Protein backbone atom coordinates (compact mmCIF):
# COMPACT_ATOMS: atom_id res chain seq x y z
CA MET A 1 31.76 -52.71 3.20
CA ASN A 2 30.09 -50.66 5.90
CA LEU A 3 31.24 -52.43 9.08
CA ARG A 4 28.80 -50.37 11.13
CA HIS A 5 25.93 -52.56 9.88
CA ILE A 6 27.41 -56.06 10.31
CA PHE A 7 25.84 -56.58 13.71
CA GLY A 8 22.35 -55.48 12.78
CA ARG A 9 20.32 -52.34 12.42
CA ARG A 10 21.39 -49.37 14.48
CA PRO A 11 18.93 -47.68 16.87
CA ALA A 12 16.48 -45.05 15.70
CA ILE A 13 17.52 -41.42 15.93
CA ALA A 14 14.79 -39.91 18.09
CA THR A 15 16.48 -37.56 20.58
CA GLU A 16 18.79 -34.55 20.51
CA ALA A 17 21.51 -36.72 22.01
CA GLY A 18 21.08 -39.34 19.30
CA LEU A 19 21.05 -36.64 16.65
CA ALA A 20 24.27 -35.14 18.03
CA GLU A 21 25.96 -38.55 17.87
CA PHE A 22 24.84 -39.00 14.27
CA ILE A 23 26.13 -35.55 13.30
CA ASP A 24 29.46 -36.07 15.05
CA GLU A 25 30.13 -39.50 13.60
CA ASN A 26 29.12 -38.71 10.05
CA ALA A 27 30.68 -35.25 9.81
CA ALA A 28 34.01 -36.75 10.84
CA PHE A 29 33.54 -39.72 8.47
CA LEU A 30 32.62 -37.49 5.53
CA VAL A 31 35.67 -35.26 5.69
CA GLN A 32 38.31 -37.61 7.05
CA LYS A 33 37.63 -40.50 4.68
CA GLY A 34 38.15 -38.19 1.72
CA LEU A 35 41.37 -36.72 3.10
CA TYR A 36 42.95 -40.06 3.92
CA GLU A 37 41.78 -42.04 0.90
CA TYR A 38 42.72 -39.31 -1.55
CA SER A 39 46.17 -38.98 0.00
CA ARG A 40 46.70 -42.74 -0.16
CA ALA A 41 45.56 -42.87 -3.78
CA ARG A 42 47.89 -40.05 -4.80
CA ALA A 43 50.84 -41.64 -3.00
CA GLY A 44 50.18 -45.08 -4.47
CA HIS A 45 52.89 -47.57 -3.47
CA TYR A 46 54.54 -44.86 -1.39
CA ALA A 47 51.53 -44.34 0.88
CA LYS A 48 53.11 -46.03 3.90
CA ILE A 49 56.20 -43.90 3.51
CA LEU A 50 54.12 -40.74 3.13
CA PHE A 51 52.00 -41.43 6.21
CA ALA A 52 55.15 -42.14 8.22
CA GLU A 53 56.55 -38.68 7.49
CA GLU A 54 56.14 -36.34 10.45
CA CYS A 55 55.54 -33.30 8.24
CA PHE A 56 52.73 -35.10 6.39
CA ARG A 57 51.12 -36.31 9.61
CA ALA A 58 51.15 -32.72 10.86
CA ALA A 59 49.64 -31.50 7.60
CA ILE A 60 46.79 -34.01 7.56
CA GLU A 61 46.08 -33.40 11.25
CA ASN A 62 45.70 -29.71 10.45
CA SER A 63 43.51 -30.51 7.45
CA ARG A 64 41.14 -32.85 9.25
CA TRP A 65 40.41 -30.35 12.01
CA ARG A 66 39.90 -27.52 9.54
CA ALA A 67 37.57 -29.78 7.53
CA PHE A 68 35.49 -30.94 10.49
CA PRO A 69 33.36 -27.75 10.67
CA LEU A 70 32.65 -28.13 6.95
CA GLY A 71 31.33 -31.62 7.63
CA LEU A 72 29.22 -30.32 10.51
CA ALA A 73 27.73 -27.62 8.28
CA MET A 74 26.89 -30.12 5.54
CA LEU A 75 25.28 -32.55 7.98
CA THR A 76 23.22 -29.76 9.54
CA GLU A 77 21.95 -28.61 6.16
CA MET A 78 21.03 -32.16 5.18
CA ILE A 79 19.14 -32.76 8.43
CA ASP A 80 17.37 -29.43 8.17
CA GLY A 81 16.19 -30.30 4.68
CA VAL A 82 14.81 -33.66 5.78
CA LEU A 83 13.06 -32.40 8.92
CA ARG A 84 11.95 -28.99 7.66
CA PRO A 85 8.46 -30.24 6.63
CA HIS A 86 7.91 -31.31 10.24
CA ALA A 87 8.83 -27.91 11.72
CA ASN A 88 5.96 -25.77 12.95
CA ASP A 89 8.18 -22.87 14.00
CA ARG A 90 10.97 -22.53 11.47
CA ARG A 91 13.12 -20.16 13.52
CA THR A 92 12.91 -22.16 16.73
CA PHE A 93 13.61 -25.38 14.86
CA LEU A 94 16.75 -24.06 13.16
CA ASP A 95 17.99 -22.45 16.38
CA ARG A 96 17.71 -25.76 18.22
CA LEU A 97 19.33 -27.69 15.39
CA SER A 98 22.13 -25.12 15.35
CA ALA A 99 22.57 -25.58 19.10
CA VAL A 100 22.87 -29.36 18.66
CA THR A 101 25.53 -28.94 15.98
CA LEU A 102 27.49 -26.39 18.02
CA SER A 103 27.35 -28.73 21.01
CA VAL A 104 29.12 -31.30 18.85
CA PHE A 105 31.79 -28.76 17.88
CA ASP A 106 32.20 -27.80 21.53
CA ARG A 107 32.95 -31.40 22.54
CA TYR A 108 36.44 -30.85 21.21
CA PRO A 109 38.95 -28.47 22.77
CA ALA A 110 41.05 -26.38 20.44
CA PRO A 111 43.26 -28.84 18.51
CA ALA A 112 46.99 -28.29 18.98
CA ALA A 113 47.30 -28.24 15.18
CA LEU A 114 45.15 -25.10 14.98
CA GLY A 115 45.25 -23.24 18.28
CA ALA A 116 42.49 -21.53 20.26
CA GLU A 117 42.08 -18.45 18.06
CA THR A 118 41.73 -20.38 14.81
CA TRP A 119 39.34 -22.87 16.46
CA SER A 120 37.19 -20.02 17.74
CA GLU A 121 37.10 -18.50 14.26
CA ALA A 122 36.08 -21.87 12.85
CA ARG A 123 33.16 -21.98 15.28
CA GLY A 124 32.03 -18.53 14.18
CA GLU A 125 32.21 -19.56 10.53
CA LEU A 126 30.24 -22.73 11.28
CA LEU A 127 27.50 -20.66 12.88
CA ARG A 128 27.45 -18.36 9.84
CA GLN A 129 27.09 -21.33 7.51
CA ILE A 130 24.20 -22.70 9.56
CA GLU A 131 22.45 -19.32 9.50
CA PHE A 132 22.77 -19.37 5.70
CA VAL A 133 20.79 -22.64 5.62
CA GLY A 134 17.66 -20.78 6.72
CA MET A 135 17.87 -18.36 3.80
CA HIS A 136 17.19 -20.75 0.92
CA PRO A 137 14.93 -23.67 0.02
CA ALA A 138 15.96 -27.17 1.06
CA LYS A 139 18.44 -28.82 -1.31
CA ALA A 140 18.81 -32.39 -2.50
CA ALA A 141 21.53 -34.22 -0.56
CA LYS A 142 23.75 -34.45 -3.63
CA ASP A 143 23.73 -30.67 -4.03
CA ILE A 144 24.55 -29.74 -0.43
CA PRO A 145 28.34 -30.21 -0.77
CA ILE A 146 28.63 -28.02 -3.86
CA ARG A 147 29.24 -24.75 -2.02
CA PHE A 148 31.79 -26.45 0.25
CA CYS A 149 33.80 -28.27 -2.41
CA GLU A 150 36.41 -25.60 -3.06
CA SER A 151 37.09 -25.06 0.64
CA TYR A 152 37.39 -28.80 1.22
CA PHE A 153 39.57 -29.36 -1.82
CA ALA A 154 41.96 -26.64 -0.68
CA LEU A 155 42.57 -28.63 2.51
CA MET A 156 43.93 -31.72 0.72
CA PRO A 157 47.44 -32.25 2.14
CA ILE A 158 48.94 -32.74 -1.31
CA HIS A 159 50.82 -30.06 -3.26
CA GLU A 160 48.38 -28.04 -5.33
CA LYS A 161 50.21 -28.85 -8.58
CA LEU A 162 49.64 -32.56 -7.99
CA ARG A 163 45.95 -32.22 -7.18
CA ALA A 164 44.95 -29.56 -9.71
CA SER A 165 43.08 -32.00 -11.97
CA GLU A 166 41.29 -33.85 -9.17
CA PHE A 167 38.66 -31.30 -8.16
CA HIS A 168 35.77 -33.15 -9.79
CA THR A 169 36.86 -36.43 -8.22
CA ILE A 170 36.77 -34.90 -4.75
CA SER A 171 33.49 -33.11 -5.47
CA ASN A 172 31.87 -36.34 -6.60
CA TYR A 173 33.17 -38.11 -3.50
CA LEU A 174 31.48 -35.55 -1.25
CA ARG A 175 28.23 -35.70 -3.19
CA VAL A 176 28.00 -39.50 -3.27
CA THR A 177 28.94 -39.84 0.38
CA MET A 178 26.38 -37.23 1.38
CA CYS A 179 23.70 -39.23 -0.47
CA ASN A 180 24.71 -42.32 1.49
CA ILE A 181 24.55 -40.43 4.78
CA HIS A 182 21.15 -39.03 3.79
CA HIS A 183 19.91 -42.57 3.16
CA GLU A 184 21.11 -43.73 6.57
CA PHE A 185 19.51 -40.76 8.29
CA THR A 186 16.14 -41.13 6.61
CA THR A 187 16.19 -44.86 7.38
CA ARG A 188 16.99 -44.42 11.06
CA MET A 189 15.25 -41.18 11.97
CA ASP A 190 12.05 -40.90 13.98
CA ALA A 191 10.91 -37.65 12.37
CA PRO A 192 7.95 -36.84 14.69
CA ALA A 193 10.07 -37.47 17.78
CA LEU A 194 12.94 -35.34 16.48
CA ALA A 195 10.53 -32.56 15.54
CA ARG A 196 9.21 -32.55 19.10
CA GLU A 197 12.74 -32.49 20.48
CA LEU A 198 13.78 -29.58 18.29
CA GLN A 199 10.68 -27.44 18.82
CA PRO A 200 9.30 -28.25 22.28
CA ALA A 201 6.05 -26.68 23.39
């Protein structure tokens, strides 16, 4: 059950600030839900014991921060694909969308699990991934995670021998969840208002 909808419809996404909140919330949800639920599923009855282990908590903390930029990149590509038909100036539009996404990244100081240098490198890689979005046609939401699946799967805090056969499960999780996020965005967005925000006169 999606508890976010129990108390009624959420407000329309019509401003850069609202868009940033949507990106932040859903990028974190996309990557963290997969990490935690997969780890619990693999541990089975021993999940509580696993999550109580200090070394595992350190590993999943590292994984979730490394995965966050992947979630930001996927959300940015999805939003670009939805709003692209409303963009009059493609370059300006993508630059502003990129700035919104990077502002979300910059909300968070370098996590202790990664350190400043690694966090800075992650920001540079995020920017590179966003630039890549402008070099190809818009993709269906279900196809956006495909190029990120291997990187995300490698971050699962479970020994690689135990997760070797689960790649398709994780890939399908990302693809289905991205479709759900796409549905929420297209339901809540005010496309003309966002287009004006992202390419002001």
